[in-house]
PDB file of N, CA and C in Angstrom:
ATOM      1  N   MET A   1      13.284 152.538  88.217  1.00  0.00           N
ATOM      2  CA  MET A   1      12.215 151.702  88.414  1.00  0.00           C
ATOM      3  C   MET A   1      10.929 152.658  88.638  1.00  0.00           C
ATOM      4  N   LYS A   2      10.249 152.641  87.756  1.00  0.00           N
ATOM      5  CA  LYS A   2       8.992 153.739  87.646  1.00  0.00           C
ATOM      6  C   LYS A   2       7.589 153.160  88.487  1.00  0.00           C
ATOM      7  N   ASP A   3       7.525 151.733  88.192  1.00  0.00           N
ATOM      8  CA  ASP A   3       6.112 151.304  88.652  1.00  0.00           C
ATOM      9  C   ASP A   3       6.250 151.320  90.284  1.00  0.00           C
ATOM     10  N   GLU A   4       5.355 151.915  91.095  1.00  0.00           N
ATOM     11  CA  GLU A   4       5.190 151.981  92.524  1.00  0.00           C
ATOM     12  C   GLU A   4       5.021 150.657  92.992  1.00  0.00           C
ATOM     13  N   ASN A   5       3.937 149.904  92.392  1.00  0.00           N
ATOM     14  CA  ASN A   5       3.822 148.564  92.841  1.00  0.00           C
ATOM     15  C   ASN A   5       4.917 147.962  92.850  1.00  0.00           C
ATOM     16  N   THR A   6       6.163 147.829  92.084  1.00  0.00           N
ATOM     17  CA  THR A   6       7.227 147.008  92.018  1.00  0.00           C
ATOM     18  C   THR A   6       8.336 147.674  93.091  1.00  0.00           C
ATOM     19  N   LYS A   7       8.126 149.138  93.041  1.00  0.00           N
ATOM     20  CA  LYS A   7       8.953 149.477  94.199  1.00  0.00           C
ATOM     21  C   LYS A   7       8.784 149.133  95.804  1.00  0.00           C
ATOM     22  N   ALA A   8       7.310 148.896  95.529  1.00  0.00           N
ATOM     23  CA  ALA A   8       6.813 148.712  97.315  1.00  0.00           C
ATOM     24  C   ALA A   8       6.884 147.153  97.267  1.00  0.00           C
ATOM     25  N   LEU A   9       6.800 146.333  96.355  1.00  0.00           N
ATOM     26  CA  LEU A   9       7.215 145.006  96.464  1.00  0.00           C
ATOM     27  C   LEU A   9       8.723 144.765  96.958  1.00  0.00           C
ATOM     28  N   LEU A  10       9.707 145.549  96.088  1.00  0.00           N
ATOM     29  CA  LEU A  10      11.148 145.304  96.598  1.00  0.00           C
ATOM     30  C   LEU A  10      11.232 145.928  98.124  1.00  0.00           C
ATOM     31  N   GLY A  11      10.600 147.023  98.416  1.00  0.00           N
ATOM     32  CA  GLY A  11      10.654 147.618  99.704  1.00  0.00           C
ATOM     33  C   GLY A  11      10.232 146.773 101.012  1.00  0.00           C
ATOM     34  N   SER A  12       9.694 145.667 100.575  1.00  0.00           N
ATOM     35  CA  SER A  12       9.107 144.633 101.475  1.00  0.00           C
ATOM     36  C   SER A  12       9.755 143.610 101.787  1.00  0.00           C
ATOM     37  N   TRP A  13      10.901 143.559 101.058  1.00  0.00           N
ATOM     38  CA  TRP A  13      11.910 142.192 100.913  1.00  0.00           C
ATOM     39  C   TRP A  13      13.196 142.357 102.020  1.00  0.00           C
ATOM     40  N   GLU A  14      13.256 143.690 102.741  1.00  0.00           N
ATOM     41  CA  GLU A  14      14.563 143.554 103.582  1.00  0.00           C
ATOM     42  C   GLU A  14      14.688 142.447 104.623  1.00  0.00           C
ATOM     43  N   HIS A  15      13.365 141.982 105.215  1.00  0.00           N
ATOM     44  CA  HIS A  15      13.375 140.930 106.153  1.00  0.00           C
ATOM     45  C   HIS A  15      12.619 139.533 105.921  1.00  0.00           C
ATOM     46  N   TYR A  16      12.542 139.342 104.255  1.00  0.00           N
ATOM     47  CA  TYR A  16      12.173 138.425 103.732  1.00  0.00           C
ATOM     48  C   TYR A  16      13.004 136.811 103.822  1.00  0.00           C
ATOM     49  N   GLU A  17      12.453 135.762 103.974  1.00  0.00           N
ATOM     50  CA  GLU A  17      12.982 134.835 104.266  1.00  0.00           C
ATOM     51  C   GLU A  17      13.880 134.227 103.272  1.00  0.00           C
ATOM     52  N   SER A  18      13.908 134.505 101.884  1.00  0.00           N
ATOM     53  CA  SER A  18      14.576 134.099 100.769  1.00  0.00           C
ATOM     54  C   SER A  18      16.308 135.361 100.794  1.00  0.00           C
ATOM     55  N   PRO A  19      16.949 134.686 100.920  1.00  0.00           N
ATOM     56  CA  PRO A  19      18.502 135.463 100.658  1.00  0.00           C
ATOM     57  C   PRO A  19      18.488 136.306  99.669  1.00  0.00           C
ATOM     58  N   VAL A  20      17.947 135.523  98.206  1.00  0.00           N
ATOM     59  CA  VAL A  20      18.029 136.372  97.182  1.00  0.00           C
ATOM     60  C   VAL A  20      16.900 137.772  97.093  1.00  0.00           C
ATOM     61  N   LEU A  21      16.010 137.379  97.613  1.00  0.00           N
ATOM     62  CA  LEU A  21      15.122 138.529  97.786  1.00  0.00           C
ATOM     63  C   LEU A  21      15.599 139.883  98.644  1.00  0.00           C
ATOM     64  N   ARG A  22      16.328 139.557  99.684  1.00  0.00           N
ATOM     65  CA  ARG A  22      17.002 140.563 100.608  1.00  0.00           C
ATOM     66  C   ARG A  22      18.138 141.141  99.856  1.00  0.00           C
ATOM     67  N   ARG A  23      18.692 139.958  99.244  1.00  0.00           N
ATOM     68  CA  ARG A  23      19.943 140.869  98.242  1.00  0.00           C
ATOM     69  C   ARG A  23      19.339 141.588  97.355  1.00  0.00           C
ATOM     70  N   LEU A  24      18.335 141.305  96.695  1.00  0.00           N
ATOM     71  CA  LEU A  24      17.462 142.415  95.693  1.00  0.00           C
ATOM     72  C   LEU A  24      17.228 143.796  96.585  1.00  0.00           C
ATOM     73  N   PHE A  25      16.654 143.772  97.680  1.00  0.00           N
ATOM     74  CA  PHE A  25      16.276 144.673  98.569  1.00  0.00           C
ATOM     75  C   PHE A  25      17.418 145.705  98.566  1.00  0.00           C
ATOM     76  N   TRP A  26      18.700 145.188  99.204  1.00  0.00           N
ATOM     77  CA  TRP A  26      19.681 146.101  99.355  1.00  0.00           C
ATOM     78  C   TRP A  26      20.329 146.559  98.216  1.00  0.00           C
ATOM     79  N   TYR A  27      20.516 145.765  97.020  1.00  0.00           N
ATOM     80  CA  TYR A  27      20.975 146.176  95.953  1.00  0.00           C
ATOM     81  C   TYR A  27      20.297 147.479  95.185  1.00  0.00           C
ATOM     82  N   HIS A  28      18.899 147.291  95.379  1.00  0.00           N
ATOM     83  CA  HIS A  28      18.009 148.371  94.713  1.00  0.00           C
ATOM     84  C   HIS A  28      18.208 149.673  95.868  1.00  0.00           C
ATOM     85  N   GLN A  29      18.549 149.511  96.915  1.00  0.00           N
ATOM     86  CA  GLN A  29      18.766 150.739  97.877  1.00  0.00           C
ATOM     87  C   GLN A  29      20.126 151.404  97.520  1.00  0.00           C
ATOM     88  N   GLY A  30      21.124 150.593  97.562  1.00  0.00           N
ATOM     89  CA  GLY A  30      22.317 151.087  96.744  1.00  0.00           C
ATOM     90  C   GLY A  30      22.424 151.943  95.585  1.00  0.00           C
ATOM     91  N   ARG A  31      21.652 151.062  94.733  1.00  0.00           N
ATOM     92  CA  ARG A  31      21.712 151.551  93.301  1.00  0.00           C
ATOM     93  C   ARG A  31      20.727 153.007  93.529  1.00  0.00           C
ATOM     94  N   LEU A  32      19.757 153.028  94.225  1.00  0.00           N
ATOM     95  CA  LEU A  32      19.053 154.389  94.299  1.00  0.00           C
ATOM     96  C   LEU A  32      19.954 155.436  94.589  1.00  0.00           C
ATOM     97  N   ARG A  33      21.076 155.300  95.507  1.00  0.00           N
ATOM     98  CA  ARG A  33      21.902 156.260  95.959  1.00  0.00           C
ATOM     99  C   ARG A  33      22.868 156.714  94.695  1.00  0.00           C
ATOM    100  N   TRP A  34      23.479 155.545  93.911  1.00  0.00           N
ATOM    101  CA  TRP A  34      24.530 155.992  93.409  1.00  0.00           C
ATOM    102  C   TRP A  34      23.846 156.317  91.846  1.00  0.00           C
ATOM    103  N   THR A  35      22.731 156.271  91.392  1.00  0.00           N
ATOM    104  CA  THR A  35      22.305 156.799  90.284  1.00  0.00           C
ATOM    105  C   THR A  35      21.953 158.091  90.128  1.00  0.00           C
ATOM    106  N   GLY A  36      22.053 159.226  91.474  1.00  0.00           N
ATOM    107  CA  GLY A  36      21.908 160.318  91.261  1.00  0.00           C
ATOM    108  C   GLY A  36      20.619 160.670  91.725  1.00  0.00           C
ATOM    109  N   GLN A  37      19.685 159.908  91.957  1.00  0.00           N
ATOM    110  CA  GLN A  37      18.486 160.665  92.441  1.00  0.00           C
ATOM    111  C   GLN A  37      18.320 160.964  93.815  1.00  0.00           C
ATOM    112  N   THR A  38      17.173 161.467  94.094  1.00  0.00           N
ATOM    113  CA  THR A  38      17.016 162.090  95.381  1.00  0.00           C
ATOM    114  C   THR A  38      17.045 160.749  96.344  1.00  0.00           C
ATOM    115  N   HIS A  39      17.959 161.183  97.476  1.00  0.00           N
ATOM    116  CA  HIS A  39      18.031 159.875  98.205  1.00  0.00           C
ATOM    117  C   HIS A  39      16.671 159.822  99.160  1.00  0.00           C
ATOM    118  N   PRO A  40      16.197 158.453  99.151  1.00  0.00           N
ATOM    119  CA  PRO A  40      15.026 158.149  99.962  1.00  0.00           C
ATOM    120  C   PRO A  40      15.103 158.666 101.493  1.00  0.00           C
ATOM    121  N   ASP A  41      14.070 158.340 102.006  1.00  0.00           N
ATOM    122  CA  ASP A  41      14.096 158.933 103.525  1.00  0.00           C
ATOM    123  C   ASP A  41      14.352 157.915 104.328  1.00  0.00           C
ATOM    124  N   ASN A  42      14.717 156.707 103.988  1.00  0.00           N
ATOM    125  CA  ASN A  42      15.027 155.589 104.860  1.00  0.00           C
ATOM    126  C   ASN A  42      16.513 155.313 105.235  1.00  0.00           C
ATOM    127  N   THR A  43      17.189 156.295 104.631  1.00  0.00           N
ATOM    128  CA  THR A  43      19.009 156.320 105.292  1.00  0.00           C
ATOM    129  C   THR A  43      19.384 155.981 106.238  1.00  0.00           C
ATOM    130  N   VAL A  44      18.795 156.487 107.139  1.00  0.00           N
ATOM    131  CA  VAL A  44      19.098 156.465 108.978  1.00  0.00           C
ATOM    132  C   VAL A  44      18.590 154.935 109.287  1.00  0.00           C
ATOM    133  N   SER A  45      17.496 154.406 108.882  1.00  0.00           N
ATOM    134  CA  SER A  45      16.897 153.443 109.218  1.00  0.00           C
ATOM    135  C   SER A  45      17.829 152.186 108.689  1.00  0.00           C
ATOM    136  N   LEU A  46      18.385 152.419 107.081  1.00  0.00           N
ATOM    137  CA  LEU A  46      19.160 151.216 106.597  1.00  0.00           C
ATOM    138  C   LEU A  46      20.585 151.326 107.287  1.00  0.00           C
ATOM    139  N   LEU A  47      20.980 152.517 107.822  1.00  0.00           N
ATOM    140  CA  LEU A  47      22.505 152.518 108.668  1.00  0.00           C
ATOM    141  C   LEU A  47      22.100 151.715 109.871  1.00  0.00           C
ATOM    142  N   ASP A  48      21.032 151.860 110.396  1.00  0.00           N
ATOM    143  CA  ASP A  48      20.764 151.065 111.762  1.00  0.00           C
ATOM    144  C   ASP A  48      20.658 149.671 111.133  1.00  0.00           C
ATOM    145  N   ALA A  49      19.912 149.287 110.404  1.00  0.00           N
ATOM    146  CA  ALA A  49      19.880 147.863 109.979  1.00  0.00           C
ATOM    147  C   ALA A  49      21.462 147.291 109.494  1.00  0.00           C
ATOM    148  N   LEU A  50      22.284 147.969 108.921  1.00  0.00           N
ATOM    149  CA  LEU A  50      23.519 147.646 108.647  1.00  0.00           C
ATOM    150  C   LEU A  50      24.374 147.335 109.852  1.00  0.00           C
ATOM    151  N   GLU A  51      24.235 148.175 110.672  1.00  0.00           N
ATOM    152  CA  GLU A  51      25.071 147.995 112.299  1.00  0.00           C
ATOM    153  C   GLU A  51      24.595 146.706 112.751  1.00  0.00           C
ATOM    154  N   ARG A  52      23.210 146.376 112.857  1.00  0.00           N
ATOM    155  CA  ARG A  52      22.526 145.371 113.529  1.00  0.00           C
ATOM    156  C   ARG A  52      22.996 144.074 112.788  1.00  0.00           C
ATOM    157  N   ASN A  53      22.777 144.184 111.529  1.00  0.00           N
ATOM    158  CA  ASN A  53      22.867 142.769 110.796  1.00  0.00           C
ATOM    159  C   ASN A  53      23.707 142.146 109.766  1.00  0.00           C
ATOM    160  N   LEU A  54      24.590 143.212 109.730  1.00  0.00           N
ATOM    161  CA  LEU A  54      25.493 142.755 108.454  1.00  0.00           C
ATOM    162  C   LEU A  54      26.625 141.566 108.922  1.00  0.00           C
ATOM    163  N   ALA A  55      26.738 141.497 110.235  1.00  0.00           N
ATOM    164  CA  ALA A  55      27.750 140.184 110.520  1.00  0.00           C
ATOM    165  C   ALA A  55      26.930 139.028 110.713  1.00  0.00           C
ATOM    166  N   LYS A  56      25.697 138.921 110.876  1.00  0.00           N
ATOM    167  CA  LYS A  56      25.094 137.833 110.624  1.00  0.00           C
ATOM    168  C   LYS A  56      24.143 137.277 109.510  1.00  0.00           C
ATOM    169  N   GLU A  57      24.504 138.430 108.447  1.00  0.00           N
ATOM    170  CA  GLU A  57      23.853 138.153 107.012  1.00  0.00           C
ATOM    171  C   GLU A  57      24.424 137.201 106.276  1.00  0.00           C
ATOM    172  N   ASP A  58      23.419 136.613 105.389  1.00  0.00           N
ATOM    173  CA  ASP A  58      24.178 135.393 104.397  1.00  0.00           C
ATOM    174  C   ASP A  58      25.228 136.265 103.580  1.00  0.00           C
ATOM    175  N   PRO A  59      26.196 135.605 103.296  1.00  0.00           N
ATOM    176  CA  PRO A  59      27.199 136.310 102.495  1.00  0.00           C
ATOM    177  C   PRO A  59      26.727 136.963 101.108  1.00  0.00           C
ATOM    178  N   GLU A  60      25.693 136.393 100.486  1.00  0.00           N
ATOM    179  CA  GLU A  60      25.495 136.689  99.267  1.00  0.00           C
ATOM    180  C   GLU A  60      24.136 137.862  99.445  1.00  0.00           C
ATOM    181  N   VAL A  61      24.316 138.316 100.611  1.00  0.00           N
ATOM    182  CA  VAL A  61      23.297 139.714 101.059  1.00  0.00           C
ATOM    183  C   VAL A  61      24.432 140.558 101.221  1.00  0.00           C
ATOM    184  N   GLN A  62      25.326 140.080 101.761  1.00  0.00           N
ATOM    185  CA  GLN A  62      26.381 141.068 102.701  1.00  0.00           C
ATOM    186  C   GLN A  62      26.938 141.744 101.520  1.00  0.00           C
ATOM    187  N   TRP A  63      27.265 141.573 100.570  1.00  0.00           N
ATOM    188  CA  TRP A  63      28.022 142.311  99.442  1.00  0.00           C
ATOM    189  C   TRP A  63      26.838 143.333  99.025  1.00  0.00           C
ATOM    190  N   ALA A  64      25.648 143.103  98.961  1.00  0.00           N
ATOM    191  CA  ALA A  64      24.746 144.072  98.361  1.00  0.00           C
ATOM    192  C   ALA A  64      24.617 145.294  99.580  1.00  0.00           C
ATOM    193  N   MET A  65      24.720 144.631 101.107  1.00  0.00           N
ATOM    194  CA  MET A  65      24.529 145.545 101.991  1.00  0.00           C
ATOM    195  C   MET A  65      25.535 146.322 102.094  1.00  0.00           C
ATOM    196  N   ASN A  66      26.982 145.967 101.845  1.00  0.00           N
ATOM    197  CA  ASN A  66      27.940 146.794 101.584  1.00  0.00           C
ATOM    198  C   ASN A  66      27.907 147.724 100.599  1.00  0.00           C
ATOM    199  N   LEU A  67      27.635 147.297  99.486  1.00  0.00           N
ATOM    200  CA  LEU A  67      27.336 148.332  98.343  1.00  0.00           C
ATOM    201  C   LEU A  67      26.400 149.532  98.797  1.00  0.00           C
ATOM    202  N   THR A  68      25.748 149.012  99.556  1.00  0.00           N
ATOM    203  CA  THR A  68      24.596 150.206 100.128  1.00  0.00           C
ATOM    204  C   THR A  68      25.222 151.147 100.962  1.00  0.00           C
ATOM    205  N   ALA A  69      26.068 150.633 101.931  1.00  0.00           N
ATOM    206  CA  ALA A  69      26.678 151.102 102.562  1.00  0.00           C
ATOM    207  C   ALA A  69      27.693 152.334 102.066  1.00  0.00           C
ATOM    208  N   GLY A  70      28.449 151.728 100.996  1.00  0.00           N
ATOM    209  CA  GLY A  70      29.346 152.685 100.245  1.00  0.00           C
ATOM    210  C   GLY A  70      28.406 153.665  99.566  1.00  0.00           C
ATOM    211  N   SER A  71      27.768 153.226  98.848  1.00  0.00           N
ATOM    212  CA  SER A  71      27.049 154.299  98.258  1.00  0.00           C
ATOM    213  C   SER A  71      26.110 155.496  99.094  1.00  0.00           C
ATOM    214  N   ILE A  72      25.985 155.151 100.365  1.00  0.00           N
ATOM    215  CA  ILE A  72      25.663 156.075 101.010  1.00  0.00           C
ATOM    216  C   ILE A  72      26.652 156.851 101.286  1.00  0.00           C
ATOM    217  N   GLY A  73      27.937 156.461 101.923  1.00  0.00           N
ATOM    218  CA  GLY A  73      28.942 157.191 102.245  1.00  0.00           C
ATOM    219  C   GLY A  73      29.337 158.250 101.224  1.00  0.00           C
ATOM    220  N   VAL A  74      29.705 157.714  99.980  1.00  0.00           N
ATOM    221  CA  VAL A  74      30.111 158.343  98.692  1.00  0.00           C
ATOM    222  C   VAL A  74      29.158 159.512  98.310  1.00  0.00           C
ATOM    223  N   HIS A  75      27.726 159.208  98.415  1.00  0.00           N
ATOM    224  CA  HIS A  75      27.062 160.005  97.526  1.00  0.00           C
ATOM    225  C   HIS A  75      25.953 160.986  98.705  1.00  0.00           C
ATOM    226  N   ASP A  76      26.186 160.721 100.006  1.00  0.00           N
ATOM    227  CA  ASP A  76      25.116 161.239 101.067  1.00  0.00           C
ATOM    228  C   ASP A  76      25.985 162.055 102.001  1.00  0.00           C
ATOM    229  N   THR A  77      26.596 163.164 101.542  1.00  0.00           N
ATOM    230  CA  THR A  77      27.814 163.788 102.938  1.00  0.00           C
ATOM    231  C   THR A  77      27.184 163.916 104.062  1.00  0.00           C
ATOM    232  N   SER A  78      25.702 164.048 104.461  1.00  0.00           N
ATOM    233  CA  SER A  78      25.616 164.049 105.699  1.00  0.00           C
ATOM    234  C   SER A  78      25.529 162.720 106.427  1.00  0.00           C
ATOM    235  N   HIS A  79      25.949 161.501 105.851  1.00  0.00           N
ATOM    236  CA  HIS A  79      25.855 160.670 106.785  1.00  0.00           C
ATOM    237  C   HIS A  79      27.232 159.735 106.264  1.00  0.00           C
ATOM    238  N   ARG A  80      28.055 160.513 105.790  1.00  0.00           N
ATOM    239  CA  ARG A  80      29.563 160.124 105.298  1.00  0.00           C
ATOM    240  C   ARG A  80      30.265 159.691 106.611  1.00  0.00           C
ATOM    241  N   THR A  81      30.444 160.331 107.439  1.00  0.00           N
ATOM    242  CA  THR A  81      31.241 160.260 108.986  1.00  0.00           C
ATOM    243  C   THR A  81      30.723 158.914 109.237  1.00  0.00           C
ATOM    244  N   ARG A  82      29.302 158.790 109.416  1.00  0.00           N
ATOM    245  CA  ARG A  82      28.935 157.566 110.021  1.00  0.00           C
ATOM    246  C   ARG A  82      29.015 156.131 109.345  1.00  0.00           C
ATOM    247  N   CYS A  83      29.466 156.301 107.827  1.00  0.00           N
ATOM    248  CA  CYS A  83      29.699 155.134 106.988  1.00  0.00           C
ATOM    249  C   CYS A  83      31.346 155.102 107.282  1.00  0.00           C
ATOM    250  N   ILE A  84      31.704 155.942 107.462  1.00  0.00           N
ATOM    251  CA  ILE A  84      33.431 156.037 107.563  1.00  0.00           C
ATOM    252  C   ILE A  84      33.595 155.210 109.125  1.00  0.00           C
ATOM    253  N   LYS A  85      32.700 155.456 109.957  1.00  0.00           N
ATOM    254  CA  LYS A  85      32.844 154.488 111.400  1.00  0.00           C
ATOM    255  C   LYS A  85      32.367 153.222 111.068  1.00  0.00           C
ATOM    256  N   LEU A  86      31.524 152.666 110.592  1.00  0.00           N
ATOM    257  CA  LEU A  86      31.168 151.696 110.224  1.00  0.00           C
ATOM    258  C   LEU A  86      32.171 150.944 109.377  1.00  0.00           C
ATOM    259  N   GLY A  87      32.979 151.504 108.445  1.00  0.00           N
ATOM    260  CA  GLY A  87      34.013 150.876 107.842  1.00  0.00           C
ATOM    261  C   GLY A  87      35.024 150.755 108.880  1.00  0.00           C
ATOM    262  N   GLU A  88      35.738 151.497 109.697  1.00  0.00           N
ATOM    263  CA  GLU A  88      36.607 151.238 110.625  1.00  0.00           C
ATOM    264  C   GLU A  88      36.242 149.699 111.776  1.00  0.00           C
ATOM    265  N   LYS A  89      34.935 149.903 111.955  1.00  0.00           N
ATOM    266  CA  LYS A  89      34.472 148.965 112.720  1.00  0.00           C
ATOM    267  C   LYS A  89      34.743 147.627 112.149  1.00  0.00           C
ATOM    268  N   TRP A  90      34.344 147.558 110.683  1.00  0.00           N
ATOM    269  CA  TRP A  90      34.686 146.331 110.054  1.00  0.00           C
ATOM    270  C   TRP A  90      35.939 145.939 109.517  1.00  0.00           C
ATOM    271  N   GLY A  91      36.980 147.051 109.851  1.00  0.00           N
ATOM    272  CA  GLY A  91      38.267 146.950 109.528  1.00  0.00           C
ATOM    273  C   GLY A  91      38.638 147.363 108.030  1.00  0.00           C
ATOM    274  N   CYS A  92      37.818 148.164 107.381  1.00  0.00           N
ATOM    275  CA  CYS A  92      37.993 148.429 106.138  1.00  0.00           C
ATOM    276  C   CYS A  92      38.722 149.667 105.851  1.00  0.00           C
ATOM    277  N   THR A  93      39.537 150.075 106.647  1.00  0.00           N
ATOM    278  CA  THR A  93      40.177 151.611 106.773  1.00  0.00           C
ATOM    279  C   THR A  93      41.735 151.218 106.767  1.00  0.00           C
ATOM    280  N   THR A  94      42.215 150.067 106.915  1.00  0.00           N
ATOM    281  CA  THR A  94      43.688 149.813 107.039  1.00  0.00           C
ATOM    282  C   THR A  94      44.217 149.478 105.389  1.00  0.00           C
ATOM    283  N   MET A  95      45.272 149.432 105.348  1.00  0.00           N
ATOM    284  CA  MET A  95      45.792 149.205 103.893  1.00  0.00           C
ATOM    285  C   MET A  95      46.460 147.673 103.769  1.00  0.00           C
ATOM    286  N   ASN A  96      45.826 146.846 104.683  1.00  0.00           N
ATOM    287  CA  ASN A  96      46.190 145.503 104.612  1.00  0.00           C
ATOM    288  C   ASN A  96      45.452 144.844 103.415  1.00  0.00           C
ATOM    289  N   ARG A  97      46.078 143.898 103.035  1.00  0.00           N
ATOM    290  CA  ARG A  97      45.791 143.253 101.968  1.00  0.00           C
ATOM    291  C   ARG A  97      44.397 142.374 102.172  1.00  0.00           C
ATOM    292  N   TRP A  98      43.464 142.735 101.170  1.00  0.00           N
ATOM    293  CA  TRP A  98      41.766 142.180 101.105  1.00  0.00           C
ATOM    294  C   TRP A  98      41.929 140.790 101.063  1.00  0.00           C
ATOM    295  N   HIS A  99      41.078 139.967 101.948  1.00  0.00           N
ATOM    296  CA  HIS A  99      40.693 138.766 101.373  1.00  0.00           C
ATOM    297  C   HIS A  99      39.394 138.784 100.604  1.00  0.00           C
ATOM    298  N   ARG A 100      39.277 138.035  99.746  1.00  0.00           N
ATOM    299  CA  ARG A 100      38.300 138.026  98.987  1.00  0.00           C
ATOM    300  C   ARG A 100      36.820 137.780  99.487  1.00  0.00           C
ATOM    301  N   THR A 101      36.361 138.966 100.336  1.00  0.00           N
ATOM    302  CA  THR A 101      35.068 138.812 100.979  1.00  0.00           C
ATOM    303  C   THR A 101      34.260 139.580 100.665  1.00  0.00           C
ATOM    304  N   VAL A 102      32.827 139.988 101.172  1.00  0.00           N
ATOM    305  CA  VAL A 102      32.258 140.720 100.570  1.00  0.00           C
ATOM    306  C   VAL A 102      32.207 142.300 101.238  1.00  0.00           C
ATOM    307  N   ARG A 103      33.408 142.441 101.852  1.00  0.00           N
ATOM    308  CA  ARG A 103      33.615 143.761 102.339  1.00  0.00           C
ATOM    309  C   ARG A 103      34.253 144.425 101.451  1.00  0.00           C
ATOM    310  N   ARG A 104      34.560 144.250 100.146  1.00  0.00           N
ATOM    311  CA  ARG A 104      35.444 144.627  99.378  1.00  0.00           C
ATOM    312  C   ARG A 104      34.865 146.047  98.876  1.00  0.00           C
ATOM    313  N   THR A 105      33.650 145.884  98.552  1.00  0.00           N
ATOM    314  CA  THR A 105      32.775 147.181  97.962  1.00  0.00           C
ATOM    315  C   THR A 105      32.858 148.316  98.804  1.00  0.00           C
ATOM    316  N   ILE A 106      32.488 148.062 100.252  1.00  0.00           N
ATOM    317  CA  ILE A 106      32.444 149.358 100.817  1.00  0.00           C
ATOM    318  C   ILE A 106      34.058 149.696 101.177  1.00  0.00           C
ATOM    319  N   CYS A 107      34.766 148.868 101.382  1.00  0.00           N
ATOM    320  CA  CYS A 107      36.387 148.946 101.526  1.00  0.00           C
ATOM    321  C   CYS A 107      36.923 149.966 100.583  1.00  0.00           C
ATOM    322  N   ARG A 108      36.422 149.882  99.041  1.00  0.00           N
ATOM    323  CA  ARG A 108      37.096 150.650  98.262  1.00  0.00           C
ATOM    324  C   ARG A 108      36.002 152.016  98.057  1.00  0.00           C
ATOM    325  N   SER A 109      35.020 152.095  98.498  1.00  0.00           N
ATOM    326  CA  SER A 109      34.465 153.242  98.648  1.00  0.00           C
ATOM    327  C   SER A 109      34.938 154.252  99.814  1.00  0.00           C
ATOM    328  N   LEU A 110      35.175 153.545 100.901  1.00  0.00           N
ATOM    329  CA  LEU A 110      35.377 154.029 101.889  1.00  0.00           C
ATOM    330  C   LEU A 110      37.187 154.905 101.964  1.00  0.00           C
ATOM    331  N   PHE A 111      37.793 154.092 101.328  1.00  0.00           N
ATOM    332  CA  PHE A 111      39.148 154.675 100.807  1.00  0.00           C
ATOM    333  C   PHE A 111      39.146 155.689  99.864  1.00  0.00           C
ATOM    334  N   ALA A 112      38.195 155.755  98.825  1.00  0.00           N
ATOM    335  CA  ALA A 112      38.033 156.833  97.948  1.00  0.00           C
ATOM    336  C   ALA A 112      37.488 158.194  98.803  1.00  0.00           C
ATOM    337  N   LEU A 113      36.741 157.877  99.942  1.00  0.00           N
ATOM    338  CA  LEU A 113      36.373 158.909 100.721  1.00  0.00           C
ATOM    339  C   LEU A 113      37.551 159.722 101.595  1.00  0.00           C
ATOM    340  N   ARG A 114      38.400 158.885 102.008  1.00  0.00           N
ATOM    341  CA  ARG A 114      39.201 159.422 103.002  1.00  0.00           C
ATOM    342  C   ARG A 114      40.707 159.648 102.154  1.00  0.00           C
ATOM    343  N   ARG A 115      40.809 159.284 100.733  1.00  0.00           N
ATOM    344  CA  ARG A 115      41.986 159.858 100.400  1.00  0.00           C
ATOM    345  C   ARG A 115      41.825 161.311  99.672  1.00  0.00           C
ATOM    346  N   PRO A 116      42.768 162.198  99.975  1.00  0.00           N
ATOM    347  CA  PRO A 116      42.289 163.522  99.780  1.00  0.00           C
ATOM    348  C   PRO A 116      42.394 163.747  98.192  1.00  0.00           C
ATOM    349  N   SER A 117      43.187 162.909  97.175  1.00  0.00           N
ATOM    350  CA  SER A 117      43.081 163.073  95.966  1.00  0.00           C
ATOM    351  C   SER A 117      41.753 162.759  94.993  1.00  0.00           C
ATOM    352  N   GLY A 118      41.085 161.779  95.803  1.00  0.00           N
ATOM    353  CA  GLY A 118      39.681 161.497  95.648  1.00  0.00           C
ATOM    354  C   GLY A 118      40.170 160.116  94.372  1.00  0.00           C
ATOM    355  N   ARG A 119      41.297 159.473  94.116  1.00  0.00           N
ATOM    356  CA  ARG A 119      41.442 158.832  93.029  1.00  0.00           C
ATOM    357  C   ARG A 119      41.254 157.363  93.912  1.00  0.00           C
ATOM    358  N   ASN A 120      40.750 156.267  92.868  1.00  0.00           N
ATOM    359  CA  ASN A 120      40.530 154.807  93.124  1.00  0.00           C
ATOM    360  C   ASN A 120      41.764 154.278  93.654  1.00  0.00           C
ATOM    361  N   LEU A 121      41.433 153.388  94.627  1.00  0.00           N
ATOM    362  CA  LEU A 121      42.660 152.589  95.007  1.00  0.00           C
ATOM    363  C   LEU A 121      42.980 151.717  93.425  1.00  0.00           C
ATOM    364  N   ARG A 122      44.333 151.467  93.209  1.00  0.00           N
ATOM    365  CA  ARG A 122      44.886 150.515  92.317  1.00  0.00           C
ATOM    366  C   ARG A 122      44.430 149.047  92.828  1.00  0.00           C
ATOM    367  N   ARG A 123      44.179 148.334  91.751  1.00  0.00           N
ATOM    368  CA  ARG A 123      43.970 146.702  92.073  1.00  0.00           C
ATOM    369  C   ARG A 123      45.036 145.883  92.439  1.00  0.00           C
ATOM    370  N   ARG A 124      45.050 145.209  93.546  1.00  0.00           N
ATOM    371  CA  ARG A 124      46.010 144.532  93.796  1.00  0.00           C
ATOM    372  C   ARG A 124      45.878 142.866  93.156  1.00  0.00           C
ATOM    373  N   SER A 125      46.971 142.579  93.155  1.00  0.00           N
ATOM    374  CA  SER A 125      47.033 141.183  92.552  1.00  0.00           C
ATOM    375  C   SER A 125      46.403 140.225  93.309  1.00  0.00           C
ATOM    376  N   ARG A 126      45.610 139.336  92.955  1.00  0.00           N
ATOM    377  CA  ARG A 126      45.116 138.224  93.869  1.00  0.00           C
ATOM    378  C   ARG A 126      46.114 136.742  93.405  1.00  0.00           C
ATOM    379  N   HIS A 127      46.347 136.320  94.718  1.00  0.00           N
ATOM    380  CA  HIS A 127      47.388 135.026  94.673  1.00  0.00           C
ATOM    381  C   HIS A 127      46.454 134.015  95.235  1.00  0.00           C
TER     382      HIS A 127
END
């Protein structure tokens, strides 16, 4: 996204009333990290917000928050340990069968971080 006005508008939606706009904020933050661009300076404040707000956020926003946390952990080595600790707190570092929840994205990212081969986890069948 090259338009500065649009970037500023997206950046103002973190605490907006509408869950759709909050989801767009978090999705944009995650995407900035996985596309290989220079990481913005707000990584620490995003991780703080994730720790405070993830559990009480709407499910439609949680998946984008998890995407952002996973993207930070995978692509920003200076914050990787903190993201792994968040995953442990959320219960994402065990090999238990995943429930169809919003934590799926960060769990996969965190498993990829912890596995020495770096291979992605195979998909589990859903029943």
